[in-house]
N, C-alpha and C. Protein backbone atom coordinates (compact mmCIF):
# COMPACT_ATOMS: atom_id res chain seq x y z
N MET A 1 0.83 -1.53 0.02
CA MET A 1 -0.09 0.06 0.02
C MET A 1 1.00 1.60 0.16
N PRO A 2 0.77 2.54 -0.79
CA PRO A 2 1.39 3.31 -0.94
C PRO A 2 1.05 4.30 0.07
N THR A 3 2.10 5.36 0.91
CA THR A 3 1.72 6.20 1.55
C THR A 3 0.35 6.64 0.91
N ILE A 4 -0.34 7.64 1.95
CA ILE A 4 -1.16 8.28 1.79
C ILE A 4 -1.12 9.29 2.29
N PRO A 5 -0.99 10.43 1.12
CA PRO A 5 -0.10 11.68 1.33
C PRO A 5 -0.42 12.89 2.27
N TRP A 6 0.25 13.64 2.56
CA TRP A 6 -0.16 14.71 3.86
C TRP A 6 -1.69 15.25 2.89
N THR A 7 -2.66 15.16 4.03
CA THR A 7 -4.02 16.00 3.42
C THR A 7 -4.07 16.82 4.68
N ALA A 8 -4.35 18.21 4.44
CA ALA A 8 -4.72 19.41 5.12
C ALA A 8 -6.23 19.00 5.85
N GLY A 9 -6.24 19.60 7.26
CA GLY A 9 -7.26 19.42 8.06
C GLY A 9 -7.86 21.03 8.34
N PRO A 10 -9.07 20.90 8.97
CA PRO A 10 -9.40 22.14 8.94
C PRO A 10 -8.36 23.21 9.61
N ALA A 11 -7.66 22.71 10.00
CA ALA A 11 -6.82 24.18 10.73
C ALA A 11 -5.71 24.58 9.40
N ALA A 12 -5.54 23.91 8.84
CA ALA A 12 -4.43 23.85 7.92
C ALA A 12 -4.15 25.41 7.47
N GLY A 13 -2.65 26.17 7.38
CA GLY A 13 -2.51 27.17 7.56
C GLY A 13 -2.07 28.34 8.76
N HIS A 14 -2.45 27.05 10.29
CA HIS A 14 -2.07 27.69 11.06
C HIS A 14 -0.30 27.77 11.45
N SER A 15 -0.24 29.65 11.50
CA SER A 15 0.85 29.88 11.52
C SER A 15 1.49 29.62 12.90
N GLY A 16 0.81 29.16 13.83
CA GLY A 16 1.83 29.96 15.08
C GLY A 16 2.17 28.06 15.54
N GLU A 17 2.84 27.81 16.99
CA GLU A 17 3.34 26.48 17.03
C GLU A 17 2.22 25.63 16.87
N VAL A 18 2.82 24.29 16.31
CA VAL A 18 1.98 23.26 16.22
C VAL A 18 2.42 22.34 16.80
N THR A 19 1.55 20.99 17.55
CA THR A 19 2.22 19.75 17.98
C THR A 19 1.81 18.81 16.96
N VAL A 20 2.92 17.79 16.71
CA VAL A 20 3.21 16.71 15.84
C VAL A 20 3.25 15.24 16.62
N MET A 21 2.39 14.61 16.11
CA MET A 21 2.71 13.26 16.64
C MET A 21 3.04 12.23 15.30
N ALA A 22 3.95 11.16 15.84
CA ALA A 22 4.31 10.16 14.82
C ALA A 22 3.98 9.09 15.93
N SER A 23 3.25 8.01 14.75
CA SER A 23 3.39 6.72 15.66
C SER A 23 3.80 5.57 14.47
N GLU A 24 3.84 4.29 15.25
CA GLU A 24 4.25 3.28 14.57
C GLU A 24 3.53 2.07 15.38
N PHE A 25 2.81 1.61 14.49
CA PHE A 25 2.13 0.35 14.89
C PHE A 25 2.67 -1.10 14.47
N LYS A 26 2.62 -2.18 15.27
CA LYS A 26 3.11 -3.42 14.81
C LYS A 26 2.33 -4.69 15.47
N LEU A 27 1.53 -5.33 14.39
CA LEU A 27 0.13 -5.91 14.82
C LEU A 27 1.21 -7.28 15.07
N ARG A 28 0.34 -7.85 15.76
CA ARG A 28 1.25 -9.36 16.10
C ARG A 28 0.62 -10.74 14.90
N ARG A 29 -0.30 -10.08 14.46
CA ARG A 29 -0.35 -11.72 13.39
C ARG A 29 -0.88 -10.80 11.91
N LEU A 30 -0.86 -11.20 10.54
CA LEU A 30 -0.89 -10.80 9.62
C LEU A 30 -2.50 -10.64 9.64
N SER A 31 -3.48 -11.77 9.92
CA SER A 31 -4.42 -11.89 9.92
C SER A 31 -5.18 -10.76 10.54
N GLN A 32 -4.77 -9.50 11.41
CA GLN A 32 -5.18 -9.04 11.58
C GLN A 32 -5.04 -7.24 11.13
N VAL A 33 -4.20 -7.44 9.92
CA VAL A 33 -4.06 -6.39 8.82
C VAL A 33 -5.15 -5.61 8.23
N PRO A 34 -6.05 -6.36 7.66
CA PRO A 34 -7.49 -6.08 6.83
C PRO A 34 -8.27 -5.02 7.90
N GLY A 35 -8.22 -5.48 9.58
CA GLY A 35 -8.92 -4.75 10.20
C GLY A 35 -8.35 -3.43 10.68
N PHE A 36 -7.02 -3.70 11.23
CA PHE A 36 -6.83 -2.30 11.56
C PHE A 36 -6.76 -1.30 10.43
N LEU A 37 -6.42 -2.13 9.00
CA LEU A 37 -6.34 -1.12 7.91
C LEU A 37 -7.61 -0.10 7.99
N ARG A 38 -8.82 -1.35 8.14
CA ARG A 38 -10.20 -0.61 8.10
C ARG A 38 -10.36 0.49 9.21
N ALA A 39 -9.76 0.22 9.95
CA ALA A 39 -10.08 0.71 11.41
C ALA A 39 -9.18 2.26 11.57
N SER A 40 -7.95 2.19 10.50
CA SER A 40 -7.43 3.37 10.36
C SER A 40 -7.79 4.32 9.45
N LEU A 41 -8.54 4.09 8.37
CA LEU A 41 -9.04 5.05 7.30
C LEU A 41 -10.14 5.55 7.94
N ALA A 42 -10.68 4.61 8.93
CA ALA A 42 -11.98 5.25 9.83
C ALA A 42 -11.89 6.52 10.47
N ILE A 43 -10.20 6.23 11.36
CA ILE A 43 -9.67 7.22 12.43
C ILE A 43 -9.11 8.41 11.46
N ARG A 44 -8.90 7.82 10.21
CA ARG A 44 -8.20 9.20 9.35
C ARG A 44 -9.39 9.86 9.05
N LYS A 45 -10.37 9.50 8.51
CA LYS A 45 -11.83 10.29 7.86
C LYS A 45 -11.94 11.34 9.45
N GLN A 46 -12.12 10.46 10.46
CA GLN A 46 -12.61 11.11 12.26
C GLN A 46 -11.32 12.62 12.23
N ALA A 47 -10.08 12.42 11.59
CA ALA A 47 -8.71 13.16 12.34
C ALA A 47 -9.18 14.41 11.54
N LEU A 48 -9.67 14.21 10.27
CA LEU A 48 -9.39 15.51 9.17
C LEU A 48 -10.68 16.04 9.65
N ALA A 49 -11.40 15.41 10.26
CA ALA A 49 -12.75 16.43 10.30
C ALA A 49 -13.00 17.17 11.80
N THR A 50 -11.87 16.68 12.13
CA THR A 50 -11.76 17.01 13.85
C THR A 50 -10.91 18.65 13.64
N GLY A 51 -11.82 19.54 14.53
CA GLY A 51 -11.19 21.11 14.51
C GLY A 51 -9.78 21.31 15.41
N GLY A 52 -8.74 21.76 14.95
CA GLY A 52 -7.58 21.85 15.15
C GLY A 52 -6.62 20.65 14.77
N ALA A 53 -7.40 20.07 13.66
CA ALA A 53 -6.11 19.00 13.02
C ALA A 53 -5.43 20.05 11.86
N VAL A 54 -4.26 20.66 11.75
CA VAL A 54 -3.27 21.00 11.04
C VAL A 54 -3.14 19.92 9.38
N GLY A 55 -3.21 18.40 9.51
CA GLY A 55 -2.94 17.41 8.55
C GLY A 55 -2.27 16.42 9.08
N MET A 56 -2.46 15.42 7.92
CA MET A 56 -1.97 13.97 8.45
C MET A 56 -1.30 13.06 6.97
N SER A 57 -0.61 12.32 7.65
CA SER A 57 -0.18 11.28 6.55
C SER A 57 -0.55 9.85 6.99
N LEU A 58 -0.60 8.84 6.30
CA LEU A 58 -0.55 7.54 6.55
C LEU A 58 0.67 6.66 6.09
N ARG A 59 0.98 5.52 6.49
CA ARG A 59 1.94 4.54 6.00
C ARG A 59 1.31 3.47 6.28
N ALA A 60 1.40 2.18 5.41
CA ALA A 60 1.55 1.00 5.70
C ALA A 60 2.31 0.20 5.06
N ALA A 61 3.07 -0.89 5.99
CA ALA A 61 3.59 -1.70 5.12
C ALA A 61 3.34 -3.37 5.89
N PRO A 62 1.99 -3.44 4.91
CA PRO A 62 0.74 -4.50 5.25
C PRO A 62 1.74 -6.26 5.35
N LEU A 63 2.73 -6.52 4.59
CA LEU A 63 2.83 -7.82 5.29
C LEU A 63 4.25 -7.82 5.84
N ARG A 64 4.72 -6.40 6.58
CA ARG A 64 5.54 -6.42 7.82
C ARG A 64 4.62 -5.92 9.10
N ARG A 65 3.29 -6.27 8.79
CA ARG A 65 2.10 -5.86 9.92
C ARG A 65 2.25 -4.45 10.78
N THR A 66 2.95 -3.54 10.05
CA THR A 66 3.44 -2.39 10.32
C THR A 66 2.69 -1.28 9.57
N PHE A 67 2.33 -0.26 10.63
CA PHE A 67 1.60 0.76 10.21
C PHE A 67 2.48 2.18 10.69
N TRP A 68 2.15 3.50 10.09
CA TRP A 68 2.53 4.66 10.52
C TRP A 68 1.72 5.76 10.43
N THR A 69 1.31 6.85 11.46
CA THR A 69 0.51 7.95 11.45
C THR A 69 1.83 9.07 11.44
N LEU A 70 1.36 10.03 10.92
CA LEU A 70 1.87 11.39 11.13
C LEU A 70 0.92 12.92 11.24
N SER A 71 0.96 13.29 11.70
CA SER A 71 -0.04 14.41 12.07
C SER A 71 0.46 15.81 12.71
N ALA A 72 -0.24 16.66 12.22
CA ALA A 72 0.00 17.74 12.94
C ALA A 72 -1.32 19.10 13.80
N TRP A 73 -1.09 19.38 14.51
CA TRP A 73 -2.56 19.92 15.49
C TRP A 73 -2.05 21.27 16.00
N GLU A 74 -3.13 21.97 15.57
CA GLU A 74 -3.00 23.56 16.51
C GLU A 74 -2.50 23.39 18.11
N SER A 75 -2.98 22.45 18.90
CA SER A 75 -2.58 22.38 20.09
C SER A 75 -2.35 20.46 20.54
N ARG A 76 -1.88 20.33 21.68
CA ARG A 76 -2.02 18.98 22.51
C ARG A 76 -3.33 18.77 22.90
N PRO A 77 -4.14 19.75 22.98
CA PRO A 77 -5.31 19.47 23.41
C PRO A 77 -6.33 19.23 22.78
N ALA A 78 -6.13 19.70 21.29
CA ALA A 78 -7.26 19.28 19.76
C ALA A 78 -6.66 17.88 19.70
N LEU A 79 -5.23 17.26 19.81
CA LEU A 79 -4.97 16.28 19.39
C LEU A 79 -5.58 15.03 20.54
N GLU A 80 -5.55 15.45 21.78
CA GLU A 80 -6.45 15.07 23.01
C GLU A 80 -8.26 14.59 22.48
N ALA A 81 -8.33 15.72 21.94
CA ALA A 81 -10.00 15.61 21.75
C ALA A 81 -10.64 14.60 20.61
N LEU A 82 -8.97 14.08 19.53
CA LEU A 82 -9.56 12.97 18.79
C LEU A 82 -9.79 11.73 19.96
N VAL A 83 -8.07 11.90 20.27
CA VAL A 83 -7.90 10.66 20.97
C VAL A 83 -9.45 10.16 21.85
N GLY A 84 -9.76 10.90 22.65
CA GLY A 84 -10.94 10.74 23.17
C GLY A 84 -12.21 10.57 22.54
N ALA A 85 -12.57 10.43 21.47
CA ALA A 85 -13.62 10.88 20.75
C ALA A 85 -14.05 9.64 20.23
N GLU A 86 -15.27 8.89 19.60
CA GLU A 86 -15.88 8.02 18.81
C GLU A 86 -15.22 8.61 17.25
N PRO A 87 -14.99 7.11 16.61
CA PRO A 87 -14.30 5.96 16.75
C PRO A 87 -13.07 5.60 17.53
N HIS A 88 -12.12 6.66 17.66
CA HIS A 88 -10.60 6.44 18.20
C HIS A 88 -10.71 5.91 19.49
N ARG A 89 -11.59 6.06 20.19
CA ARG A 89 -11.65 5.90 21.76
C ARG A 89 -11.48 4.02 21.78
N SER A 90 -12.62 3.83 21.37
CA SER A 90 -13.17 2.47 21.16
C SER A 90 -12.25 1.49 20.30
N THR A 91 -11.46 2.40 19.28
CA THR A 91 -10.89 1.48 18.42
C THR A 91 -9.58 0.91 18.80
N MET A 92 -8.72 1.97 19.79
CA MET A 92 -7.53 1.72 20.88
C MET A 92 -7.89 0.77 21.88
N LYS A 93 -9.40 0.60 21.96
CA LYS A 93 -9.33 -0.30 23.40
C LYS A 93 -9.11 -1.61 22.37
N ARG A 94 -10.39 -1.49 21.54
CA ARG A 94 -10.42 -2.99 20.94
C ARG A 94 -9.05 -3.45 20.39
N MET A 95 -8.28 -2.98 19.87
CA MET A 95 -7.08 -3.02 19.32
C MET A 95 -5.86 -2.99 20.09
N ARG A 96 -5.41 -2.88 21.13
CA ARG A 96 -4.42 -2.78 22.25
C ARG A 96 -3.97 -4.19 22.28
N PRO A 97 -5.38 -5.58 22.19
CA PRO A 97 -4.32 -6.68 22.14
C PRO A 97 -3.84 -7.06 21.14
N ALA A 98 -4.01 -6.96 19.93
CA ALA A 98 -3.68 -6.90 18.93
C ALA A 98 -2.45 -6.51 18.39
N MET A 99 -1.67 -5.65 18.95
CA MET A 99 -0.16 -4.96 19.11
C MET A 99 0.63 -5.85 19.59
N GLU A 100 1.83 -6.11 18.67
CA GLU A 100 3.16 -6.43 19.35
C GLU A 100 3.66 -5.41 19.49
N ALA A 101 3.78 -4.17 19.08
CA ALA A 101 4.51 -2.89 19.80
C ALA A 101 3.87 -1.71 19.21
N SER A 102 3.92 -0.72 20.07
CA SER A 102 3.59 0.99 19.86
C SER A 102 4.89 1.54 19.96
N VAL A 103 5.14 2.76 19.32
CA VAL A 103 5.74 3.81 19.58
C VAL A 103 4.91 5.10 19.24
N PHE A 104 5.27 6.16 20.20
CA PHE A 104 4.63 7.35 20.15
C PHE A 104 5.73 8.67 20.24
N THR A 105 5.65 9.78 19.40
CA THR A 105 6.68 10.40 19.51
C THR A 105 6.02 11.75 19.56
N PHE A 106 6.22 12.60 20.34
CA PHE A 106 5.69 14.27 20.36
C PHE A 106 6.66 15.10 20.09
N TRP A 107 6.82 16.42 19.40
CA TRP A 107 7.22 17.09 19.39
C TRP A 107 6.46 19.02 18.78
N THR A 108 6.89 20.07 19.05
CA THR A 108 6.39 21.03 18.52
C THR A 108 7.29 21.48 17.63
N THR A 109 6.52 22.30 16.47
CA THR A 109 7.10 23.16 15.53
C THR A 109 6.12 24.03 15.34
N THR A 110 6.65 24.65 13.93
CA THR A 110 5.43 26.25 13.80
C THR A 110 5.31 25.37 12.27
N GLY A 111 3.75 26.16 12.05
CA GLY A 111 3.08 25.57 11.19
C GLY A 111 3.47 25.86 9.63
N ASP A 112 4.82 26.72 9.44
CA ASP A 112 5.44 26.72 8.16
C ASP A 112 6.45 25.92 8.24
N ARG A 113 6.44 24.87 9.10
CA ARG A 113 7.60 23.88 9.14
C ARG A 113 7.21 22.51 9.52
N LEU A 114 6.23 21.84 8.73
CA LEU A 114 5.26 20.81 9.19
C LEU A 114 6.17 19.80 8.68
N PRO A 115 6.22 18.76 9.48
CA PRO A 115 7.24 17.89 9.44
C PRO A 115 7.06 16.81 8.07
N ASP A 116 8.38 16.12 7.88
CA ASP A 116 8.10 15.06 6.67
C ASP A 116 8.44 13.67 6.99
N TRP A 117 8.00 12.72 6.63
CA TRP A 117 8.37 11.19 7.06
C TRP A 117 9.97 11.17 7.37
N ALA A 118 10.67 11.70 6.60
CA ALA A 118 12.11 11.50 7.12
C ALA A 118 12.60 11.75 8.50
N GLU A 119 12.13 13.00 8.75
CA GLU A 119 11.87 13.53 10.39
C GLU A 119 11.18 12.72 11.18
N ALA A 120 9.83 12.25 10.99
CA ALA A 120 8.81 11.50 11.67
C ALA A 120 9.99 10.19 11.74
N ASP A 121 10.99 9.44 11.12
CA ASP A 121 11.12 7.89 11.04
C ASP A 121 12.29 8.19 12.06
N ARG A 122 13.15 9.35 11.87
CA ARG A 122 14.27 9.26 12.66
C ARG A 122 13.92 9.45 14.34
N ARG A 123 12.49 10.15 14.43
CA ARG A 123 12.04 10.71 15.68
C ARG A 123 11.58 9.01 16.37
N ILE A 124 11.14 8.65 15.65
CA ILE A 124 10.30 7.06 15.73
C ILE A 124 11.44 6.26 16.41
N GLU A 125 12.59 6.08 15.56
CA GLU A 125 13.51 5.40 15.95
C GLU A 125 14.43 5.92 17.53
N THR A 126 14.36 7.00 17.64
CA THR A 126 15.31 7.22 18.75
C THR A 126 14.01 7.16 19.77
N GLN A 127 12.91 7.37 19.54
CA GLN A 127 11.79 6.92 21.08
C GLN A 127 12.13 5.61 21.44
N ARG A 128 11.99 4.62 19.95
CA ARG A 128 12.16 3.21 19.91
C ARG A 128 13.43 2.80 20.98
N ARG A 129 14.66 3.47 20.60
CA ARG A 129 15.70 3.09 20.98
C ARG A 129 15.64 3.67 22.84
N GLY A 130 14.56 4.61 22.87
CA GLY A 130 14.54 5.18 24.60
C GLY A 130 16.10 6.29 24.59
N THR A 131 16.20 6.94 23.74
CA THR A 131 16.77 8.19 23.68
C THR A 131 16.25 9.19 23.53
N ALA A 132 15.30 9.36 23.71
CA ALA A 132 14.26 10.64 22.85
C ALA A 132 14.56 11.91 24.04
């Protein structure tokens, strides 16, 4: 599956400080990939409709059972609003047992310096090694 490119959210063009989140999810079994992919696309749709979302991108390596997200938000509370709302909240709970590993990393930047996948990959790797 190719990367779903950066898609602007309702807060696109926000010029001040933004909160960035990058994540990596590795599933336990290949049979869990179709359900996780469907859930990811539903949450993507939710995120892009959430106030405060500057934008996001998704990547997947289904045969490696691995998925990544990269998103930017007007604020940390805007990101937390997504996490606490449906379908994100119940999807997290339902998918937690399927996870072999998850990595999350957060940082701030400005709206005119949005992240790319190279930066996200570097930060995820740093977080995975525990040297963030």
